[in-house]
């Protein structure tokens, strides 16, 4: 490449409001393997003293989960959303407007790998904020075996593409 020729630059970002498509399923990769250290750090940072997350001896005596400590479900939710950021909302999100229909149908244990996918279930231009739109997302996390471990509906406020943005990465 000659020195006179400008280099085309591509900066990773999320999708502008205009680029979201209803009915499209976005798969987020790579996955994230959860460790015991993740669980203990998150649980203690958030002041959650639930023994199911912190006390191995106590957990070993409890029925139902093979005597293992459970990964904090709020860590699972945060990781689920976090896995979607680079692909969907990095630099384009204005705000999270709310979460609903959150469920954890299967426990997450240390050593599980989480994979996420997001379905765009609806979008509309904002009535009160020109240049922005509301995008409704359904996030799903699965473990390494494909078992659904978390589901969440999320409403987001996302910027529309700038006037000089032609849809190509700038």
Protein backbone atom coordinates (compact mmCIF):
# COMPACT_ATOMS: atom_id res chain seq x y z
CA UNK A 1 0.00 0.00 0.00
CA UNK A 2 1.45 3.36 -0.97
CA UNK A 3 1.88 6.14 1.56
CA UNK A 4 -0.39 8.50 -0.43
CA UNK A 5 -3.36 6.15 -0.30
CA UNK A 6 -5.50 6.69 2.84
CA UNK A 7 -6.05 3.66 5.02
CA UNK A 8 -9.67 2.64 5.49
CA UNK A 9 -10.37 2.33 9.20
CA UNK A 10 -13.06 0.22 10.78
CA UNK A 11 -13.93 0.84 14.43
CA UNK A 12 -15.95 -1.76 16.26
CA UNK A 13 -19.26 -0.41 17.47
CA UNK A 14 -22.77 -1.51 18.22
CA UNK A 15 -25.70 -1.14 15.87
CA UNK A 16 -27.39 2.18 15.21
CA UNK A 17 -31.16 2.16 15.75
CA UNK A 18 -31.59 2.03 11.96
CA UNK A 19 -29.53 -1.18 11.72
CA UNK A 20 -31.55 -3.25 14.19
CA UNK A 21 -33.97 -5.60 12.45
CA UNK A 22 -37.03 -7.06 14.12
CA UNK A 23 -36.98 -10.84 14.07
CA UNK A 24 -33.20 -11.11 13.68
CA UNK A 25 -31.34 -13.34 16.12
CA UNK A 26 -27.88 -12.03 16.94
CA UNK A 27 -25.44 -14.67 18.25
CA UNK A 28 -22.70 -13.36 20.51
CA UNK A 29 -19.31 -15.04 20.48
CA UNK A 30 -16.97 -15.89 22.08
CA UNK A 31 -18.59 -17.38 25.15
CA UNK A 32 -17.46 -16.80 28.72
CA UNK A 33 -16.36 -19.58 31.08
CA UNK A 34 -17.43 -18.75 34.62
CA UNK A 35 -14.98 -19.38 37.46
CA UNK A 36 -15.32 -19.76 41.18
CA UNK A 37 -13.30 -16.55 41.55
CA UNK A 38 -15.84 -14.66 39.39
CA UNK A 39 -18.63 -15.82 41.66
CA UNK A 40 -16.91 -15.00 44.95
CA UNK A 41 -15.72 -11.59 43.76
CA UNK A 42 -19.09 -10.54 42.30
CA UNK A 43 -21.00 -11.87 45.30
CA UNK A 44 -18.82 -10.10 47.86
CA UNK A 45 -18.60 -6.85 45.85
CA UNK A 46 -22.40 -6.68 45.79
CA UNK A 47 -22.74 -7.52 49.52
CA UNK A 48 -24.74 -10.66 48.81
CA UNK A 49 -24.14 -12.95 51.77
CA UNK A 50 -26.20 -15.85 50.43
CA UNK A 51 -24.48 -19.06 51.59
CA UNK A 52 -25.43 -20.79 48.30
CA UNK A 53 -22.79 -18.60 46.64
CA UNK A 54 -20.10 -18.40 49.31
CA UNK A 55 -20.11 -21.33 51.74
CA UNK A 56 -18.83 -24.55 50.16
CA UNK A 57 -19.31 -26.63 53.35
CA UNK A 58 -22.91 -25.48 53.80
CA UNK A 59 -23.68 -25.91 50.08
CA UNK A 60 -22.27 -29.45 50.15
CA UNK A 61 -25.01 -30.40 52.64
CA UNK A 62 -27.88 -28.98 50.56
CA UNK A 63 -29.98 -31.12 48.24
CA UNK A 64 -30.62 -30.33 44.61
CA UNK A 65 -27.41 -29.02 43.07
CA UNK A 66 -24.88 -31.76 43.64
CA UNK A 67 -23.50 -30.09 46.73
CA UNK A 68 -21.96 -27.28 44.69
CA UNK A 69 -22.16 -23.53 45.19
CA UNK A 70 -24.36 -21.79 42.65
CA UNK A 71 -23.11 -18.91 40.54
CA UNK A 72 -24.83 -15.71 41.62
CA UNK A 73 -27.79 -15.17 39.27
CA UNK A 74 -27.08 -11.44 39.07
CA UNK A 75 -23.61 -12.31 37.73
CA UNK A 76 -25.30 -14.56 35.17
CA UNK A 77 -27.64 -11.72 34.11
CA UNK A 78 -24.79 -9.22 33.92
CA UNK A 79 -22.69 -11.61 31.84
CA UNK A 80 -25.63 -12.34 29.53
CA UNK A 81 -26.08 -8.64 28.77
CA UNK A 82 -22.32 -8.04 28.69
CA UNK A 83 -21.81 -10.69 26.02
CA UNK A 84 -24.10 -8.67 23.72
CA UNK A 85 -22.45 -5.26 24.13
CA UNK A 86 -19.69 -5.38 21.50
CA UNK A 87 -22.07 -6.55 18.78
CA UNK A 88 -25.19 -4.55 19.64
CA UNK A 89 -24.72 -1.46 21.80
CA UNK A 90 -21.05 -0.45 22.09
CA UNK A 91 -21.01 3.32 21.53
CA UNK A 92 -24.60 3.49 20.26
CA UNK A 93 -26.58 2.93 23.49
CA UNK A 94 -28.03 5.98 25.22
CA UNK A 95 -29.59 4.11 28.16
CA UNK A 96 -31.06 0.89 29.45
CA UNK A 97 -34.73 1.65 29.97
CA UNK A 98 -35.63 -1.47 31.89
CA UNK A 99 -35.59 -5.21 32.27
CA UNK A 100 -38.58 -7.54 32.49
CA UNK A 101 -39.41 -11.23 32.35
CA UNK A 102 -36.08 -12.26 33.86
CA UNK A 103 -35.81 -15.98 34.54
CA UNK A 104 -33.09 -18.44 35.52
CA UNK A 105 -34.47 -21.83 34.48
CA UNK A 106 -31.27 -23.79 35.17
CA UNK A 107 -28.40 -23.15 37.63
CA UNK A 108 -24.95 -22.03 36.53
CA UNK A 109 -21.98 -23.71 38.21
CA UNK A 110 -18.29 -22.86 38.24
CA UNK A 111 -16.74 -24.18 35.04
CA UNK A 112 -19.85 -23.62 32.90
CA UNK A 113 -19.38 -21.61 29.70
CA UNK A 114 -22.09 -19.11 28.86
CA UNK A 115 -23.10 -18.30 25.29
CA UNK A 116 -25.58 -15.55 24.50
CA UNK A 117 -28.01 -14.69 21.76
CA UNK A 118 -30.35 -11.74 21.37
CA UNK A 119 -33.58 -11.48 19.41
CA UNK A 120 -34.74 -8.01 18.37
CA UNK A 121 -38.43 -8.22 19.26
CA UNK A 122 -39.42 -4.66 18.39
CA UNK A 123 -38.28 -1.12 17.76
CA UNK A 124 -39.77 2.33 17.35
CA UNK A 125 -38.45 5.85 16.98
CA UNK A 126 -38.54 7.86 20.19
CA UNK A 127 -41.40 10.36 20.35
CA UNK A 128 -39.62 12.61 22.85
CA UNK A 129 -35.96 12.25 21.83
CA UNK A 130 -35.19 13.01 18.17
CA UNK A 131 -32.29 11.00 16.79
CA UNK A 132 -32.96 8.08 19.12
CA UNK A 133 -35.16 5.02 19.19
CA UNK A 134 -36.38 2.33 21.56
CA UNK A 135 -35.19 -1.19 20.78
CA UNK A 136 -36.71 -4.16 22.62
CA UNK A 137 -34.42 -7.16 23.01
CA UNK A 138 -34.84 -10.71 24.28
CA UNK A 139 -31.54 -12.04 25.61
CA UNK A 140 -30.97 -15.78 26.17
CA UNK A 141 -27.94 -17.42 27.79
CA UNK A 142 -27.14 -21.08 27.26
CA UNK A 143 -24.46 -23.19 28.87
CA UNK A 144 -21.93 -25.33 27.00
CA UNK A 145 -24.57 -28.07 26.63
CA UNK A 146 -27.12 -25.72 25.05
CA UNK A 147 -29.29 -25.61 28.18
CA UNK A 148 -31.01 -22.25 28.74
CA UNK A 149 -29.72 -20.76 32.00
CA UNK A 150 -31.06 -17.19 31.77
CA UNK A 151 -33.61 -15.17 29.82
CA UNK A 152 -34.30 -11.44 30.00
CA UNK A 153 -36.35 -8.90 28.11
CA UNK A 154 -34.66 -5.50 27.87
CA UNK A 155 -35.76 -2.11 26.55
CA UNK A 156 -32.93 0.12 25.34
CA UNK A 157 -32.63 3.64 24.00
CA UNK A 158 -30.27 3.67 20.99
CA UNK A 159 -28.95 6.47 18.79
CA UNK A 160 -29.92 6.66 15.12
CA UNK A 161 -27.07 6.78 12.61
CA UNK A 162 -25.46 10.21 12.26
CA UNK A 163 -26.28 12.05 9.06
CA UNK A 164 -22.78 11.39 7.70
CA UNK A 165 -22.99 7.67 8.50
CA UNK A 166 -23.80 5.80 5.29
CA UNK A 167 -24.24 2.45 7.00
CA UNK A 168 -20.60 1.58 6.43
CA UNK A 169 -18.21 1.46 9.33
CA UNK A 170 -16.38 4.71 9.85
